[in-house]
Amino acid sequence: MNDIVFTLEFDDDVANSDANEFLKKGWTLLHVGSKLIEILDNGQAYYNTVYVVGANQQQYDEYKTELENDSFASLLDS
């Protein structure tokens, strides 16, 4: 794991699917755990599963290129 240069964390309702997409591209699964999202009005805790994936330099460069070419992401930046 010494070659990990970048990490992403997913913790929303589609975190599993998002993490799996990066794992299919060869990213490394670094951590699976739980994350407190909020405390509900009734005092109950709401948790989501969190996934952390890591990329080597080549995977990170490909990720940055994909972001640059993503028209939806560029709309969010404006």
N, C-alpha and C. Protein backbone atom coordinates (compact mmCIF):
# COMPACT_ATOMS: atom_id res chain seq x y z
N MET A 1 0.82 -1.20 0.00
CA MET A 1 0.00 0.00 0.00
C MET A 1 0.86 1.26 0.00
N ASN A 2 2.13 1.12 -0.13
CA ASN A 2 2.99 2.29 -0.14
C ASN A 2 2.81 3.15 -1.37
N ASP A 3 2.17 2.59 -2.40
CA ASP A 3 2.01 3.36 -3.63
C ASP A 3 0.70 4.15 -3.67
N ILE A 4 -0.07 4.18 -2.60
CA ILE A 4 -1.32 4.94 -2.55
C ILE A 4 -0.99 6.43 -2.47
N VAL A 5 -1.53 7.20 -3.42
CA VAL A 5 -1.26 8.64 -3.45
C VAL A 5 -2.54 9.47 -3.27
N PHE A 6 -3.70 8.80 -3.32
CA PHE A 6 -4.97 9.53 -3.25
C PHE A 6 -6.04 8.60 -2.71
N THR A 7 -6.94 9.14 -1.89
CA THR A 7 -8.04 8.33 -1.35
C THR A 7 -9.38 9.03 -1.58
N LEU A 8 -10.41 8.22 -1.66
CA LEU A 8 -11.79 8.69 -1.71
C LEU A 8 -12.58 7.98 -0.63
N GLU A 9 -13.52 8.70 -0.03
CA GLU A 9 -14.41 8.12 0.98
C GLU A 9 -15.84 8.24 0.49
N PHE A 10 -16.57 7.14 0.59
CA PHE A 10 -17.98 7.12 0.21
C PHE A 10 -18.80 6.73 1.43
N ASP A 11 -19.85 7.52 1.72
CA ASP A 11 -20.66 7.21 2.90
C ASP A 11 -22.14 7.52 2.71
N ASP A 12 -22.58 7.66 1.48
CA ASP A 12 -24.00 7.94 1.25
C ASP A 12 -24.76 6.65 0.95
N ASP A 13 -25.98 6.78 0.51
CA ASP A 13 -26.83 5.60 0.30
C ASP A 13 -26.38 4.72 -0.87
N VAL A 14 -25.54 5.23 -1.75
CA VAL A 14 -25.03 4.44 -2.87
C VAL A 14 -23.53 4.19 -2.74
N ALA A 15 -23.02 4.30 -1.52
CA ALA A 15 -21.58 4.17 -1.27
C ALA A 15 -21.04 2.83 -1.74
N ASN A 16 -21.79 1.76 -1.52
CA ASN A 16 -21.33 0.43 -1.92
C ASN A 16 -21.13 0.37 -3.42
N SER A 17 -22.08 0.86 -4.19
CA SER A 17 -21.97 0.84 -5.65
C SER A 17 -20.81 1.72 -6.13
N ASP A 18 -20.68 2.89 -5.52
CA ASP A 18 -19.59 3.79 -5.91
C ASP A 18 -18.23 3.16 -5.62
N ALA A 19 -18.08 2.59 -4.45
CA ALA A 19 -16.80 1.94 -4.11
C ALA A 19 -16.51 0.79 -5.05
N ASN A 20 -17.53 0.00 -5.37
CA ASN A 20 -17.33 -1.13 -6.28
C ASN A 20 -16.88 -0.68 -7.66
N GLU A 21 -17.37 0.44 -8.14
CA GLU A 21 -16.93 0.95 -9.45
C GLU A 21 -15.44 1.25 -9.45
N PHE A 22 -14.94 1.82 -8.37
CA PHE A 22 -13.51 2.10 -8.29
C PHE A 22 -12.70 0.83 -8.10
N LEU A 23 -13.24 -0.13 -7.35
CA LEU A 23 -12.53 -1.40 -7.18
C LEU A 23 -12.41 -2.14 -8.50
N LYS A 24 -13.41 -2.02 -9.36
CA LYS A 24 -13.35 -2.64 -10.69
C LYS A 24 -12.22 -2.04 -11.53
N LYS A 25 -11.88 -0.79 -11.23
CA LYS A 25 -10.79 -0.11 -11.95
C LYS A 25 -9.43 -0.38 -11.33
N GLY A 26 -9.40 -1.24 -10.30
CA GLY A 26 -8.14 -1.62 -9.70
C GLY A 26 -7.73 -0.84 -8.46
N TRP A 27 -8.59 0.07 -8.00
CA TRP A 27 -8.28 0.81 -6.78
C TRP A 27 -8.26 -0.19 -5.62
N THR A 28 -7.66 0.22 -4.51
CA THR A 28 -7.50 -0.65 -3.35
C THR A 28 -8.50 -0.27 -2.26
N LEU A 29 -9.16 -1.28 -1.71
CA LEU A 29 -10.06 -1.05 -0.58
C LEU A 29 -9.21 -0.89 0.67
N LEU A 30 -9.29 0.28 1.30
CA LEU A 30 -8.47 0.58 2.46
C LEU A 30 -9.21 0.42 3.78
N HIS A 31 -10.53 0.66 3.76
CA HIS A 31 -11.28 0.62 5.02
C HIS A 31 -12.76 0.46 4.74
N VAL A 32 -13.42 -0.30 5.59
CA VAL A 32 -14.88 -0.38 5.62
C VAL A 32 -15.27 -0.21 7.09
N GLY A 33 -16.18 0.69 7.34
CA GLY A 33 -16.60 0.92 8.71
C GLY A 33 -17.95 1.61 8.75
N SER A 34 -18.26 2.22 9.86
CA SER A 34 -19.52 2.95 9.99
C SER A 34 -19.22 4.41 10.28
N LYS A 35 -20.16 5.26 9.91
CA LYS A 35 -20.01 6.69 10.12
C LYS A 35 -21.33 7.25 10.63
N LEU A 36 -21.26 7.98 11.72
CA LEU A 36 -22.45 8.62 12.26
C LEU A 36 -22.88 9.74 11.33
N ILE A 37 -24.10 9.66 10.82
CA ILE A 37 -24.61 10.67 9.91
C ILE A 37 -25.37 11.75 10.68
N GLU A 38 -26.24 11.32 11.58
CA GLU A 38 -26.97 12.29 12.39
C GLU A 38 -27.63 11.59 13.58
N ILE A 39 -28.03 12.40 14.53
CA ILE A 39 -28.84 11.92 15.65
C ILE A 39 -30.27 12.39 15.37
N LEU A 40 -31.19 11.45 15.27
CA LEU A 40 -32.57 11.78 14.95
C LEU A 40 -33.26 12.44 16.14
N ASP A 41 -34.41 13.04 15.90
CA ASP A 41 -35.16 13.73 16.96
C ASP A 41 -35.47 12.84 18.16
N ASN A 42 -35.64 11.55 17.90
CA ASN A 42 -35.96 10.63 18.99
C ASN A 42 -34.70 10.12 19.71
N GLY A 43 -33.54 10.66 19.35
CA GLY A 43 -32.29 10.28 19.98
C GLY A 43 -31.59 9.10 19.35
N GLN A 44 -32.22 8.50 18.37
CA GLN A 44 -31.63 7.35 17.69
C GLN A 44 -30.51 7.81 16.75
N ALA A 45 -29.43 7.08 16.74
CA ALA A 45 -28.31 7.40 15.86
C ALA A 45 -28.56 6.79 14.49
N TYR A 46 -28.21 7.55 13.44
CA TYR A 46 -28.34 7.07 12.06
C TYR A 46 -26.93 6.94 11.49
N TYR A 47 -26.56 5.72 11.14
CA TYR A 47 -25.24 5.42 10.61
C TYR A 47 -25.32 4.98 9.16
N ASN A 48 -24.29 5.26 8.40
CA ASN A 48 -24.10 4.69 7.07
C ASN A 48 -22.79 3.92 7.07
N THR A 49 -22.70 2.95 6.18
CA THR A 49 -21.43 2.26 5.98
C THR A 49 -20.52 3.17 5.17
N VAL A 50 -19.27 3.25 5.58
CA VAL A 50 -18.29 4.07 4.88
C VAL A 50 -17.25 3.16 4.24
N TYR A 51 -16.89 3.50 3.00
CA TYR A 51 -15.87 2.78 2.25
C TYR A 51 -14.78 3.78 1.87
N VAL A 52 -13.53 3.39 2.08
CA VAL A 52 -12.40 4.23 1.68
C VAL A 52 -11.59 3.43 0.67
N VAL A 53 -11.38 4.02 -0.50
CA VAL A 53 -10.59 3.38 -1.55
C VAL A 53 -9.39 4.26 -1.85
N GLY A 54 -8.29 3.63 -2.28
CA GLY A 54 -7.07 4.35 -2.58
C GLY A 54 -6.58 4.06 -3.98
N ALA A 55 -5.90 5.05 -4.54
CA ALA A 55 -5.39 4.94 -5.91
C ALA A 55 -3.88 5.14 -5.94
N ASN A 56 -3.22 4.43 -6.86
CA ASN A 56 -1.82 4.70 -7.11
C ASN A 56 -1.73 5.91 -8.06
N GLN A 57 -0.54 6.32 -8.42
CA GLN A 57 -0.39 7.52 -9.23
C GLN A 57 -1.08 7.40 -10.59
N GLN A 58 -0.95 6.26 -11.25
CA GLN A 58 -1.58 6.07 -12.56
C GLN A 58 -3.10 6.14 -12.45
N GLN A 59 -3.68 5.48 -11.46
CA GLN A 59 -5.13 5.50 -11.28
C GLN A 59 -5.60 6.91 -10.93
N TYR A 60 -4.83 7.61 -10.12
CA TYR A 60 -5.19 8.98 -9.76
C TYR A 60 -5.15 9.90 -10.97
N ASP A 61 -4.14 9.75 -11.82
CA ASP A 61 -4.06 10.55 -13.04
C ASP A 61 -5.26 10.29 -13.95
N GLU A 62 -5.66 9.02 -14.07
CA GLU A 62 -6.84 8.67 -14.87
C GLU A 62 -8.09 9.28 -14.27
N TYR A 63 -8.20 9.24 -12.94
CA TYR A 63 -9.35 9.83 -12.25
C TYR A 63 -9.43 11.33 -12.52
N LYS A 64 -8.31 12.03 -12.43
CA LYS A 64 -8.30 13.48 -12.69
C LYS A 64 -8.71 13.78 -14.13
N THR A 65 -8.25 12.95 -15.07
CA THR A 65 -8.62 13.14 -16.48
C THR A 65 -10.12 12.93 -16.66
N GLU A 66 -10.67 11.91 -16.01
CA GLU A 66 -12.11 11.67 -16.10
C GLU A 66 -12.89 12.85 -15.55
N LEU A 67 -12.42 13.44 -14.45
CA LEU A 67 -13.10 14.61 -13.88
C LEU A 67 -13.05 15.80 -14.83
N GLU A 68 -11.92 16.00 -15.49
CA GLU A 68 -11.78 17.11 -16.43
C GLU A 68 -12.72 16.95 -17.61
N ASN A 69 -12.97 15.70 -18.02
CA ASN A 69 -13.82 15.42 -19.18
C ASN A 69 -15.28 15.22 -18.82
N ASP A 70 -15.62 15.31 -17.54
CA ASP A 70 -16.99 15.10 -17.08
C ASP A 70 -17.76 16.41 -17.18
N SER A 71 -18.70 16.48 -18.11
CA SER A 71 -19.44 17.72 -18.32
C SER A 71 -20.32 18.07 -17.12
N PHE A 72 -20.84 17.06 -16.41
CA PHE A 72 -21.65 17.33 -15.23
C PHE A 72 -20.81 17.95 -14.12
N ALA A 73 -19.62 17.41 -13.92
CA ALA A 73 -18.73 17.95 -12.88
C ALA A 73 -18.36 19.39 -13.19
N SER A 74 -18.17 19.71 -14.47
CA SER A 74 -17.81 21.09 -14.82
C SER A 74 -18.98 22.04 -14.56
N LEU A 75 -20.21 21.54 -14.67
CA LEU A 75 -21.37 22.38 -14.35
C LEU A 75 -21.42 22.71 -12.87
N LEU A 76 -20.98 21.77 -12.04
CA LEU A 76 -20.98 22.00 -10.60
C LEU A 76 -19.95 23.05 -10.20
N ASP A 77 -18.87 23.14 -10.97
CA ASP A 77 -17.81 24.10 -10.67
C ASP A 77 -18.19 25.53 -11.03
N SER A 78 -19.19 25.71 -11.92
CA SER A 78 -19.53 27.07 -12.35
C SER A 78 -20.49 27.77 -11.43
